[in-house]
Amino acid sequence: ELFLNNEIKTEDNYILISDYYFLDGKLSSNNKSLSKWYHPGVHYPEQNYAEFNYFKNFLKKKLEEEEIKFIIFVYPSLHKTANEKSFKIILNDCSSEVNSVHNNNIKLLNVEKCY
């Protein structure tokens, strides 16, 4: 059975990054988010911070432990595309963008190659 589009199966684990927290209750129970909130520079370091590499390694370890296949970004967002851009920078060596769905309101980042 497929979830959201042809890329995600209902059994796939994912991280949901959205301003709309009611979505988690409406979607499958496979959301393995690290935090309830994602604010660039507040809840994770940006590239120019000393802790950037520490967080990058921490994130990759969590992706592997939880067998995360996708990071899902839901729009519109208060932070516009900042979270998506930040996670693409953090995971630039192992992630790939998947087609967006629902008029670009949902974008997927495949992170399977990160572990």
C-alpha atoms as a PDB file:
ATOM      1  CA  GLU A   1       0.000   0.000   0.000  1.00  0.00           C
ATOM      2  CA  LEU A   2       1.288   3.462  -0.871  1.00  0.00           C
ATOM      3  CA  PHE A   3       1.369   6.564   1.296  1.00  0.00           C
ATOM      4  CA  LEU A   4       1.250  10.154  -0.067  1.00  0.00           C
ATOM      5  CA  ASN A   5       2.495   9.192  -3.523  1.00  0.00           C
ATOM      6  CA  ASN A   6       4.178   6.366  -5.414  1.00  0.00           C
ATOM      7  CA  GLU A   7       7.438   6.794  -3.512  1.00  0.00           C
ATOM      8  CA  ILE A   8       6.414   6.081   0.088  1.00  0.00           C
ATOM      9  CA  LYS A   9       4.928   2.813   1.278  1.00  0.00           C
ATOM     10  CA  THR A  10       2.833   2.779   4.459  1.00  0.00           C
ATOM     11  CA  GLU A  11       5.490   0.745   6.269  1.00  0.00           C
ATOM     12  CA  ASP A  12       8.283   3.253   5.455  1.00  0.00           C
ATOM     13  CA  ASN A  13       9.650   5.291   8.346  1.00  0.00           C
ATOM     14  CA  TYR A  14       9.906   9.041   7.825  1.00  0.00           C
ATOM     15  CA  ILE A  15      10.475  12.377   9.534  1.00  0.00           C
ATOM     16  CA  LEU A  16       7.675  14.905   9.087  1.00  0.00           C
ATOM     17  CA  ILE A  17       8.654  18.577   9.173  1.00  0.00           C
ATOM     18  CA  SER A  18       5.557  20.728   9.196  1.00  0.00           C
ATOM     19  CA  ASP A  19       3.892  23.637  10.947  1.00  0.00           C
ATOM     20  CA  TYR A  20       0.716  21.506  10.990  1.00  0.00           C
ATOM     21  CA  TYR A  21       1.063  19.132  13.918  1.00  0.00           C
ATOM     22  CA  PHE A  22      -2.400  17.639  13.513  1.00  0.00           C
ATOM     23  CA  LEU A  23      -1.024  15.849  10.435  1.00  0.00           C
ATOM     24  CA  ASP A  24       0.946  13.427  12.567  1.00  0.00           C
ATOM     25  CA  GLY A  25      -2.260  12.119  14.097  1.00  0.00           C
ATOM     26  CA  LYS A  26      -3.857  11.750  10.674  1.00  0.00           C
ATOM     27  CA  LEU A  27      -0.929   9.955   9.051  1.00  0.00           C
ATOM     28  CA  SER A  28       0.651   6.584   9.727  1.00  0.00           C
ATOM     29  CA  SER A  29       2.488   5.928  12.963  1.00  0.00           C
ATOM     30  CA  ASN A  30       5.830   5.742  11.175  1.00  0.00           C
ATOM     31  CA  ASN A  31       6.802   9.356  11.911  1.00  0.00           C
ATOM     32  CA  LYS A  32      10.149   9.145  13.718  1.00  0.00           C
ATOM     33  CA  SER A  33      10.737  12.882  14.145  1.00  0.00           C
ATOM     34  CA  LEU A  34      13.632  13.946  16.326  1.00  0.00           C
ATOM     35  CA  SER A  35      11.864  17.067  17.552  1.00  0.00           C
ATOM     36  CA  LYS A  36       8.395  18.565  17.611  1.00  0.00           C
ATOM     37  CA  TRP A  37       9.782  21.860  16.330  1.00  0.00           C
ATOM     38  CA  TYR A  38      12.260  22.550  13.551  1.00  0.00           C
ATOM     39  CA  HIS A  39      13.580  26.113  13.538  1.00  0.00           C
ATOM     40  CA  PRO A  40      16.835  26.668  11.600  1.00  0.00           C
ATOM     41  CA  GLY A  41      19.635  27.794  13.905  1.00  0.00           C
ATOM     42  CA  VAL A  42      17.546  27.079  17.020  1.00  0.00           C
ATOM     43  CA  HIS A  43      16.688  23.362  17.006  1.00  0.00           C
ATOM     44  CA  TYR A  44      19.596  22.345  14.838  1.00  0.00           C
ATOM     45  CA  PRO A  45      22.803  24.236  13.953  1.00  0.00           C
ATOM     46  CA  GLU A  46      23.247  25.920  10.616  1.00  0.00           C
ATOM     47  CA  GLN A  47      26.316  25.254   8.484  1.00  0.00           C
ATOM     48  CA  ASN A  48      28.422  28.093   9.919  1.00  0.00           C
ATOM     49  CA  TYR A  49      28.036  26.916  13.551  1.00  0.00           C
ATOM     50  CA  ALA A  50      30.712  24.879  15.339  1.00  0.00           C
ATOM     51  CA  GLU A  51      28.174  22.164  16.236  1.00  0.00           C
ATOM     52  CA  PHE A  52      27.175  21.573  12.598  1.00  0.00           C
ATOM     53  CA  ASN A  53      29.304  18.445  12.065  1.00  0.00           C
ATOM     54  CA  TYR A  54      28.247  17.023  15.429  1.00  0.00           C
ATOM     55  CA  PHE A  55      24.583  17.404  14.463  1.00  0.00           C
ATOM     56  CA  LYS A  56      25.211  15.996  10.983  1.00  0.00           C
ATOM     57  CA  ASN A  57      26.725  12.829  12.490  1.00  0.00           C
ATOM     58  CA  PHE A  58      23.962  12.636  15.109  1.00  0.00           C
ATOM     59  CA  LEU A  59      21.279  12.937  12.428  1.00  0.00           C
ATOM     60  CA  LYS A  60      22.831  10.250  10.225  1.00  0.00           C
ATOM     61  CA  LYS A  61      23.065   7.918  13.212  1.00  0.00           C
ATOM     62  CA  LYS A  62      19.366   8.494  14.019  1.00  0.00           C
ATOM     63  CA  LEU A  63      18.373   7.944  10.390  1.00  0.00           C
ATOM     64  CA  GLU A  64      20.127   4.594  10.506  1.00  0.00           C
ATOM     65  CA  GLU A  65      18.786   3.558  13.938  1.00  0.00           C
ATOM     66  CA  GLU A  66      15.196   4.364  12.967  1.00  0.00           C
ATOM     67  CA  GLU A  67      15.613   3.199   9.344  1.00  0.00           C
ATOM     68  CA  ILE A  68      14.268   6.519   8.050  1.00  0.00           C
ATOM     69  CA  LYS A  69      13.686   6.501   4.298  1.00  0.00           C
ATOM     70  CA  PHE A  70      12.247   9.994   3.772  1.00  0.00           C
ATOM     71  CA  ILE A  71      12.118  13.444   5.248  1.00  0.00           C
ATOM     72  CA  ILE A  72       8.783  15.052   4.361  1.00  0.00           C
ATOM     73  CA  PHE A  73       8.419  18.853   4.214  1.00  0.00           C
ATOM     74  CA  VAL A  74       4.889  20.288   4.263  1.00  0.00           C
ATOM     75  CA  TYR A  75       4.113  23.781   2.946  1.00  0.00           C
ATOM     76  CA  PRO A  76       3.210  26.534   3.455  1.00  0.00           C
ATOM     77  CA  SER A  77       5.545  27.026   6.391  1.00  0.00           C
ATOM     78  CA  LEU A  78       6.423  29.943   8.638  1.00  0.00           C
ATOM     79  CA  HIS A  79      10.067  29.250   7.791  1.00  0.00           C
ATOM     80  CA  LYS A  80       9.304  29.041   4.070  1.00  0.00           C
ATOM     81  CA  THR A  81      11.882  26.648   2.561  1.00  0.00           C
ATOM     82  CA  ALA A  82      14.581  27.161   5.243  1.00  0.00           C
ATOM     83  CA  ASN A  83      14.166  23.696   6.800  1.00  0.00           C
ATOM     84  CA  GLU A  84      14.259  21.957   3.444  1.00  0.00           C
ATOM     85  CA  LYS A  85      17.363  23.882   2.363  1.00  0.00           C
ATOM     86  CA  SER A  86      19.095  23.224   5.692  1.00  0.00           C
ATOM     87  CA  PHE A  87      18.467  19.474   5.614  1.00  0.00           C
ATOM     88  CA  LYS A  88      19.664  19.310   1.999  1.00  0.00           C
ATOM     89  CA  ILE A  89      22.908  20.981   3.108  1.00  0.00           C
ATOM     90  CA  ILE A  90      23.277  18.730   6.158  1.00  0.00           C
ATOM     91  CA  LEU A  91      22.661  15.575   4.105  1.00  0.00           C
ATOM     92  CA  ASN A  92      24.140  16.761   0.812  1.00  0.00           C
ATOM     93  CA  ASP A  93      26.360  13.703   0.434  1.00  0.00           C
ATOM     94  CA  CYS A  94      23.622  11.093   0.786  1.00  0.00           C
ATOM     95  CA  SER A  95      20.156  12.496   0.043  1.00  0.00           C
ATOM     96  CA  SER A  96      18.160  12.997  -3.129  1.00  0.00           C
ATOM     97  CA  GLU A  97      15.065  15.023  -3.845  1.00  0.00           C
ATOM     98  CA  VAL A  98      11.957  13.146  -4.895  1.00  0.00           C
ATOM     99  CA  ASN A  99       9.156  14.669  -6.922  1.00  0.00           C
ATOM    100  CA  SER A 100       6.955  17.022  -4.954  1.00  0.00           C
ATOM    101  CA  VAL A 101       3.262  16.304  -4.658  1.00  0.00           C
ATOM    102  CA  HIS A 102       0.021  18.174  -4.046  1.00  0.00           C
ATOM    103  CA  ASN A 103       1.002  21.327  -6.004  1.00  0.00           C
ATOM    104  CA  ASN A 104       4.427  21.505  -4.329  1.00  0.00           C
ATOM    105  CA  ASN A 105       2.844  21.601  -0.859  1.00  0.00           C
ATOM    106  CA  ILE A 106       4.626  18.369   0.055  1.00  0.00           C
ATOM    107  CA  LYS A 107       8.265  17.745  -0.823  1.00  0.00           C
ATOM    108  CA  LEU A 108      10.166  14.558  -0.162  1.00  0.00           C
ATOM    109  CA  LEU A 109      13.842  14.015   0.501  1.00  0.00           C
ATOM    110  CA  ASN A 110      15.034  10.418   0.146  1.00  0.00           C
ATOM    111  CA  VAL A 111      17.660   9.681   2.811  1.00  0.00           C
ATOM    112  CA  GLU A 112      18.114   5.924   2.406  1.00  0.00           C
ATOM    113  CA  LYS A 113      21.705   6.355   1.199  1.00  0.00           C
ATOM    114  CA  CYS A 114      22.615   8.103   4.464  1.00  0.00           C
ATOM    115  CA  TYR A 115      23.066   4.732   6.168  1.00  0.00           C
END
